[in-house]
N, C-alpha and C. Protein backbone atom coordinates (compact mmCIF):
# COMPACT_ATOMS: atom_id res chain seq x y z
N MET A 1 12.40 -19.63 19.63
CA MET A 1 12.59 -18.25 20.02
C MET A 1 12.18 -17.37 18.84
N ALA A 2 11.31 -16.41 19.10
CA ALA A 2 10.85 -15.49 18.07
C ALA A 2 11.85 -14.35 17.92
N HIS A 3 12.25 -14.11 16.69
CA HIS A 3 13.19 -13.02 16.42
C HIS A 3 12.46 -11.68 16.41
N VAL A 4 13.21 -10.62 16.58
CA VAL A 4 12.65 -9.28 16.53
C VAL A 4 12.33 -8.98 15.08
N GLU A 5 11.13 -8.43 14.84
CA GLU A 5 10.74 -8.10 13.46
C GLU A 5 11.68 -7.05 12.88
N SER A 6 11.91 -7.14 11.59
CA SER A 6 12.81 -6.21 10.91
C SER A 6 12.37 -4.77 11.08
N ALA A 7 11.06 -4.52 11.02
CA ALA A 7 10.57 -3.14 11.18
C ALA A 7 10.91 -2.60 12.56
N HIS A 8 10.84 -3.46 13.58
CA HIS A 8 11.18 -3.03 14.93
C HIS A 8 12.68 -2.76 15.04
N LEU A 9 13.49 -3.58 14.39
CA LEU A 9 14.93 -3.35 14.39
C LEU A 9 15.26 -2.02 13.71
N VAL A 10 14.54 -1.69 12.65
CA VAL A 10 14.75 -0.40 11.98
C VAL A 10 14.44 0.73 12.94
N GLU A 11 13.32 0.62 13.66
CA GLU A 11 12.96 1.66 14.64
C GLU A 11 14.03 1.78 15.72
N LEU A 12 14.56 0.65 16.16
CA LEU A 12 15.63 0.69 17.17
C LEU A 12 16.86 1.37 16.61
N ALA A 13 17.19 1.09 15.36
CA ALA A 13 18.38 1.70 14.74
C ALA A 13 18.18 3.20 14.55
N LEU A 14 16.97 3.62 14.22
CA LEU A 14 16.70 5.05 14.01
C LEU A 14 16.72 5.84 15.32
N ARG A 15 16.29 5.19 16.39
CA ARG A 15 16.24 5.83 17.72
C ARG A 15 15.47 7.14 17.69
N ASN A 16 14.35 7.19 16.98
CA ASN A 16 13.55 8.41 16.87
C ASN A 16 12.55 8.55 18.00
N ALA A 17 12.08 7.42 18.52
CA ALA A 17 11.01 7.45 19.52
C ALA A 17 11.58 7.20 20.92
N THR A 18 10.79 7.56 21.91
CA THR A 18 11.14 7.27 23.30
C THR A 18 11.08 5.76 23.49
N PRO A 19 12.10 5.15 24.08
CA PRO A 19 12.11 3.69 24.26
C PRO A 19 10.89 3.20 25.06
N THR A 20 10.36 2.08 24.64
CA THR A 20 9.21 1.47 25.30
C THR A 20 9.62 0.16 25.95
N ASP A 21 8.69 -0.46 26.66
CA ASP A 21 8.96 -1.79 27.24
C ASP A 21 9.23 -2.81 26.14
N ALA A 22 8.51 -2.68 25.02
CA ALA A 22 8.74 -3.59 23.89
C ALA A 22 10.16 -3.43 23.34
N ASP A 23 10.65 -2.18 23.33
CA ASP A 23 12.03 -1.94 22.87
C ASP A 23 13.02 -2.61 23.82
N ALA A 24 12.78 -2.49 25.11
CA ALA A 24 13.68 -3.11 26.10
C ALA A 24 13.70 -4.62 25.93
N GLU A 25 12.51 -5.20 25.71
CA GLU A 25 12.43 -6.65 25.50
C GLU A 25 13.15 -7.05 24.21
N ALA A 26 12.98 -6.25 23.17
CA ALA A 26 13.66 -6.54 21.89
C ALA A 26 15.16 -6.46 22.07
N LEU A 27 15.65 -5.47 22.80
CA LEU A 27 17.09 -5.33 23.02
C LEU A 27 17.65 -6.49 23.86
N ARG A 28 16.84 -6.99 24.81
CA ARG A 28 17.29 -8.18 25.57
C ARG A 28 17.44 -9.37 24.62
N HIS A 29 16.50 -9.51 23.69
CA HIS A 29 16.60 -10.59 22.71
C HIS A 29 17.83 -10.40 21.84
N VAL A 30 18.08 -9.16 21.41
CA VAL A 30 19.23 -8.87 20.54
C VAL A 30 20.53 -9.24 21.25
N ASP A 31 20.60 -9.03 22.56
CA ASP A 31 21.80 -9.40 23.32
C ASP A 31 22.07 -10.89 23.25
N ARG A 32 21.02 -11.70 23.15
CA ARG A 32 21.18 -13.16 23.15
C ARG A 32 21.20 -13.78 21.76
N CYS A 33 20.78 -13.03 20.74
CA CYS A 33 20.60 -13.60 19.40
C CYS A 33 21.59 -12.97 18.41
N ALA A 34 22.49 -13.76 17.90
CA ALA A 34 23.51 -13.26 16.97
C ALA A 34 22.87 -12.74 15.67
N ARG A 35 21.85 -13.41 15.18
CA ARG A 35 21.19 -13.00 13.93
C ARG A 35 20.59 -11.59 14.07
N CYS A 36 19.81 -11.38 15.12
CA CYS A 36 19.18 -10.08 15.32
C CYS A 36 20.23 -9.01 15.67
N ARG A 37 21.26 -9.41 16.41
CA ARG A 37 22.32 -8.46 16.76
C ARG A 37 23.04 -7.98 15.50
N ASP A 38 23.35 -8.91 14.58
CA ASP A 38 24.03 -8.54 13.33
C ASP A 38 23.14 -7.64 12.48
N GLU A 39 21.83 -7.96 12.42
CA GLU A 39 20.93 -7.13 11.62
C GLU A 39 20.81 -5.73 12.21
N LEU A 40 20.70 -5.63 13.54
CA LEU A 40 20.61 -4.32 14.18
C LEU A 40 21.91 -3.53 13.98
N ARG A 41 23.05 -4.21 14.07
CA ARG A 41 24.34 -3.54 13.88
C ARG A 41 24.44 -2.98 12.45
N MET A 42 24.02 -3.78 11.46
CA MET A 42 24.06 -3.34 10.07
C MET A 42 23.12 -2.15 9.85
N LEU A 43 21.90 -2.24 10.40
CA LEU A 43 20.94 -1.15 10.25
C LEU A 43 21.43 0.12 10.92
N THR A 44 22.07 -0.01 12.06
CA THR A 44 22.61 1.15 12.77
C THR A 44 23.70 1.82 11.94
N ARG A 45 24.54 1.02 11.28
CA ARG A 45 25.59 1.58 10.42
C ARG A 45 24.98 2.31 9.23
N VAL A 46 23.92 1.73 8.64
CA VAL A 46 23.25 2.37 7.50
C VAL A 46 22.64 3.70 7.93
N VAL A 47 21.99 3.72 9.09
CA VAL A 47 21.37 4.96 9.59
C VAL A 47 22.45 6.01 9.84
N ALA A 48 23.55 5.60 10.45
CA ALA A 48 24.63 6.56 10.73
C ALA A 48 25.21 7.11 9.44
N ALA A 49 25.40 6.24 8.45
CA ALA A 49 25.95 6.70 7.16
C ALA A 49 24.98 7.65 6.48
N ALA A 50 23.70 7.33 6.52
CA ALA A 50 22.70 8.19 5.87
C ALA A 50 22.61 9.56 6.56
N ARG A 51 22.74 9.56 7.88
CA ARG A 51 22.62 10.82 8.61
C ARG A 51 23.85 11.72 8.44
N THR A 52 24.97 11.13 8.10
CA THR A 52 26.18 11.95 7.95
C THR A 52 26.49 12.24 6.48
N ALA A 53 25.68 11.71 5.57
CA ALA A 53 25.93 11.93 4.14
C ALA A 53 25.59 13.37 3.76
N HIS A 54 26.33 13.90 2.84
CA HIS A 54 26.10 15.24 2.31
C HIS A 54 26.01 15.14 0.80
N LEU A 55 25.46 16.15 0.19
CA LEU A 55 25.31 16.15 -1.27
C LEU A 55 26.67 15.99 -1.96
N VAL A 56 27.72 16.54 -1.36
CA VAL A 56 29.05 16.42 -1.97
C VAL A 56 29.56 14.99 -1.93
N ASP A 57 28.96 14.14 -1.07
CA ASP A 57 29.36 12.74 -1.01
C ASP A 57 28.89 11.95 -2.22
N LEU A 58 27.90 12.48 -2.94
CA LEU A 58 27.41 11.80 -4.13
C LEU A 58 28.40 12.02 -5.27
N PRO A 59 28.55 11.04 -6.16
CA PRO A 59 29.49 11.20 -7.27
C PRO A 59 29.14 12.42 -8.13
N THR A 60 27.89 12.62 -8.42
CA THR A 60 27.41 13.80 -9.15
C THR A 60 26.04 14.15 -8.59
N ALA A 61 25.67 15.38 -8.75
CA ALA A 61 24.34 15.79 -8.31
C ALA A 61 23.30 15.10 -9.17
N PRO A 62 22.21 14.65 -8.57
CA PRO A 62 21.18 13.99 -9.38
C PRO A 62 20.53 14.99 -10.32
N PRO A 63 20.09 14.53 -11.48
CA PRO A 63 19.44 15.42 -12.44
C PRO A 63 18.16 16.02 -11.85
N GLU A 64 17.77 17.16 -12.36
CA GLU A 64 16.57 17.86 -11.87
C GLU A 64 15.32 16.98 -12.00
N ARG A 65 15.27 16.15 -13.03
CA ARG A 65 14.09 15.31 -13.23
C ARG A 65 13.89 14.34 -12.07
N VAL A 66 14.98 13.92 -11.40
CA VAL A 66 14.85 13.03 -10.25
C VAL A 66 14.07 13.74 -9.15
N TRP A 67 14.44 14.99 -8.87
CA TRP A 67 13.75 15.74 -7.82
C TRP A 67 12.32 16.03 -8.22
N GLN A 68 12.08 16.24 -9.51
CA GLN A 68 10.71 16.47 -9.98
C GLN A 68 9.85 15.22 -9.76
N HIS A 69 10.42 14.04 -10.07
CA HIS A 69 9.69 12.79 -9.87
C HIS A 69 9.42 12.58 -8.38
N ILE A 70 10.42 12.84 -7.55
CA ILE A 70 10.23 12.66 -6.11
C ILE A 70 9.16 13.62 -5.61
N SER A 71 9.22 14.85 -6.03
CA SER A 71 8.25 15.85 -5.61
C SER A 71 6.84 15.46 -6.06
N ARG A 72 6.72 15.00 -7.28
CA ARG A 72 5.42 14.59 -7.80
C ARG A 72 4.88 13.39 -7.02
N ASP A 73 5.75 12.40 -6.75
CA ASP A 73 5.31 11.21 -6.03
C ASP A 73 4.91 11.54 -4.60
N VAL A 74 5.65 12.44 -3.97
CA VAL A 74 5.34 12.81 -2.60
C VAL A 74 4.06 13.62 -2.52
N SER A 75 3.89 14.56 -3.45
CA SER A 75 2.69 15.40 -3.42
C SER A 75 1.48 14.67 -3.99
N ASP A 76 1.70 13.59 -4.71
CA ASP A 76 0.64 12.77 -5.29
C ASP A 76 -0.24 13.56 -6.25
N THR A 77 0.35 14.56 -6.91
CA THR A 77 -0.37 15.28 -7.95
C THR A 77 0.45 15.22 -9.23
N PRO A 78 -0.15 14.82 -10.32
CA PRO A 78 0.62 14.72 -11.56
C PRO A 78 1.00 16.10 -12.09
N ASP A 79 2.16 16.14 -12.78
CA ASP A 79 2.63 17.39 -13.37
C ASP A 79 1.68 17.88 -14.46
N THR A 80 1.28 16.97 -15.31
CA THR A 80 0.39 17.32 -16.41
C THR A 80 -0.79 16.37 -16.39
N PRO A 81 -1.95 16.85 -16.82
CA PRO A 81 -3.10 15.95 -16.85
C PRO A 81 -2.88 14.83 -17.85
N ARG A 82 -3.38 13.68 -17.51
CA ARG A 82 -3.25 12.54 -18.42
C ARG A 82 -4.24 12.70 -19.57
N PRO A 83 -3.83 12.29 -20.76
CA PRO A 83 -4.77 12.39 -21.88
C PRO A 83 -5.93 11.43 -21.66
N PRO A 84 -7.12 11.78 -22.17
CA PRO A 84 -8.27 10.89 -21.98
C PRO A 84 -8.05 9.57 -22.72
N ALA A 85 -8.65 8.54 -22.17
CA ALA A 85 -8.54 7.23 -22.81
C ALA A 85 -9.25 7.28 -24.16
N PRO A 86 -8.71 6.59 -25.15
CA PRO A 86 -9.35 6.61 -26.47
C PRO A 86 -10.75 5.98 -26.39
N ALA A 87 -11.66 6.53 -27.15
CA ALA A 87 -13.03 6.00 -27.19
C ALA A 87 -13.02 4.65 -27.90
N PRO A 88 -13.85 3.73 -27.42
CA PRO A 88 -13.89 2.42 -28.09
C PRO A 88 -14.48 2.56 -29.50
N ALA A 89 -14.13 1.63 -30.33
CA ALA A 89 -14.64 1.60 -31.70
C ALA A 89 -16.16 1.46 -31.68
N PRO A 90 -16.86 1.93 -32.74
CA PRO A 90 -18.33 1.87 -32.75
C PRO A 90 -18.88 0.47 -32.48
N GLY A 91 -18.27 -0.54 -33.03
CA GLY A 91 -18.75 -1.91 -32.79
C GLY A 91 -18.60 -2.31 -31.33
N LYS A 92 -17.54 -1.87 -30.72
CA LYS A 92 -17.32 -2.18 -29.31
C LYS A 92 -18.31 -1.41 -28.44
N ARG A 93 -18.68 -0.19 -28.87
CA ARG A 93 -19.65 0.59 -28.09
C ARG A 93 -20.98 -0.15 -28.01
N VAL A 94 -21.41 -0.72 -29.13
CA VAL A 94 -22.67 -1.46 -29.16
C VAL A 94 -22.57 -2.67 -28.25
N LEU A 95 -21.47 -3.39 -28.33
CA LEU A 95 -21.27 -4.56 -27.48
C LEU A 95 -21.27 -4.17 -26.01
N LEU A 96 -20.57 -3.08 -25.67
CA LEU A 96 -20.54 -2.62 -24.29
C LEU A 96 -21.92 -2.21 -23.81
N ALA A 97 -22.69 -1.55 -24.67
CA ALA A 97 -24.05 -1.15 -24.31
C ALA A 97 -24.92 -2.37 -24.06
N LEU A 98 -24.80 -3.40 -24.92
CA LEU A 98 -25.58 -4.63 -24.73
C LEU A 98 -25.20 -5.34 -23.44
N LEU A 99 -23.91 -5.38 -23.16
CA LEU A 99 -23.45 -6.01 -21.91
C LEU A 99 -23.97 -5.24 -20.69
N ALA A 100 -23.95 -3.92 -20.75
CA ALA A 100 -24.47 -3.11 -19.64
C ALA A 100 -25.96 -3.34 -19.47
N LEU A 101 -26.69 -3.43 -20.59
CA LEU A 101 -28.13 -3.67 -20.54
C LEU A 101 -28.42 -5.06 -19.94
N ALA A 102 -27.65 -6.06 -20.36
CA ALA A 102 -27.83 -7.41 -19.82
C ALA A 102 -27.53 -7.44 -18.33
N ALA A 103 -26.49 -6.74 -17.91
CA ALA A 103 -26.16 -6.70 -16.49
C ALA A 103 -27.27 -6.01 -15.70
N ALA A 104 -27.80 -4.91 -16.23
CA ALA A 104 -28.88 -4.20 -15.54
C ALA A 104 -30.13 -5.08 -15.45
N ALA A 105 -30.45 -5.79 -16.53
CA ALA A 105 -31.61 -6.69 -16.52
C ALA A 105 -31.40 -7.81 -15.50
N GLY A 106 -30.22 -8.37 -15.45
CA GLY A 106 -29.92 -9.42 -14.47
C GLY A 106 -30.06 -8.93 -13.04
N ILE A 107 -29.62 -7.73 -12.79
CA ILE A 107 -29.74 -7.15 -11.44
C ILE A 107 -31.21 -6.93 -11.11
N ALA A 108 -31.98 -6.42 -12.09
CA ALA A 108 -33.40 -6.19 -11.86
C ALA A 108 -34.13 -7.49 -11.55
N VAL A 109 -33.84 -8.54 -12.30
CA VAL A 109 -34.47 -9.85 -12.07
C VAL A 109 -34.09 -10.36 -10.68
N ALA A 110 -32.83 -10.25 -10.32
CA ALA A 110 -32.38 -10.73 -9.01
C ALA A 110 -33.05 -9.96 -7.89
N LEU A 111 -33.16 -8.64 -8.03
CA LEU A 111 -33.82 -7.83 -6.99
C LEU A 111 -35.30 -8.18 -6.88
N ARG A 112 -35.96 -8.39 -8.02
CA ARG A 112 -37.39 -8.76 -7.98
C ARG A 112 -37.56 -10.11 -7.31
N TYR A 113 -36.69 -11.07 -7.62
CA TYR A 113 -36.75 -12.39 -7.00
C TYR A 113 -36.58 -12.27 -5.49
N LEU A 114 -35.59 -11.52 -5.07
CA LEU A 114 -35.35 -11.36 -3.63
C LEU A 114 -36.53 -10.68 -2.96
N HIS A 115 -37.10 -9.67 -3.63
CA HIS A 115 -38.26 -8.97 -3.07
C HIS A 115 -39.45 -9.92 -2.92
N GLU A 116 -39.74 -10.69 -3.98
CA GLU A 116 -40.85 -11.63 -3.92
C GLU A 116 -40.60 -12.71 -2.88
N ARG A 117 -39.40 -13.18 -2.79
CA ARG A 117 -39.06 -14.24 -1.82
C ARG A 117 -39.23 -13.71 -0.40
N SER A 118 -38.79 -12.48 -0.15
CA SER A 118 -38.94 -11.94 1.20
C SER A 118 -40.41 -11.78 1.55
N GLY A 119 -41.27 -11.44 0.57
CA GLY A 119 -42.71 -11.35 0.83
C GLY A 119 -43.30 -12.70 1.13
N LEU A 120 -42.86 -13.74 0.42
CA LEU A 120 -43.35 -15.08 0.67
C LEU A 120 -42.91 -15.58 2.04
N VAL A 121 -41.69 -15.23 2.44
CA VAL A 121 -41.19 -15.65 3.74
C VAL A 121 -42.03 -14.99 4.85
N ARG A 122 -42.34 -13.68 4.68
CA ARG A 122 -43.12 -12.97 5.68
C ARG A 122 -44.54 -13.56 5.83
N ARG A 123 -45.09 -14.02 4.71
CA ARG A 123 -46.43 -14.59 4.76
C ARG A 123 -46.42 -16.04 5.20
N GLY A 124 -45.23 -16.63 5.37
CA GLY A 124 -45.15 -18.02 5.83
C GLY A 124 -45.29 -19.05 4.75
N VAL A 125 -45.29 -18.63 3.48
CA VAL A 125 -45.44 -19.57 2.37
C VAL A 125 -44.13 -20.35 2.17
N VAL A 126 -42.99 -19.66 2.31
CA VAL A 126 -41.68 -20.29 2.11
C VAL A 126 -40.93 -20.19 3.43
N ARG A 127 -40.20 -21.21 3.76
CA ARG A 127 -39.38 -21.17 4.98
C ARG A 127 -37.94 -21.11 4.64
């Protein structure tokens, strides 16, 4: 017997959407399955507690920085620009330039090989 997925149980506990046939089938399973029934019961209690919670229910108000972090994460824009990454040391710059040149040469050789091979295939020289 396949259990109801946790995400579906969360949706059932939230009761935000109009019930569907899949919801009815999931609820029939929940009626027969103690594991899914217990999970749905727990999720329903959590949803009810969250919906009735008030700021005064918290031991203390969260610091302003918490709301700033939440706001920044939700808006996906940083508060301040990040500093630029440090430039590599001169010796590393030369090494990086050589590696980039080698990669470019390798790509050029590979493209030329593929181009020549495709011409040979078209002429029937290579199969």
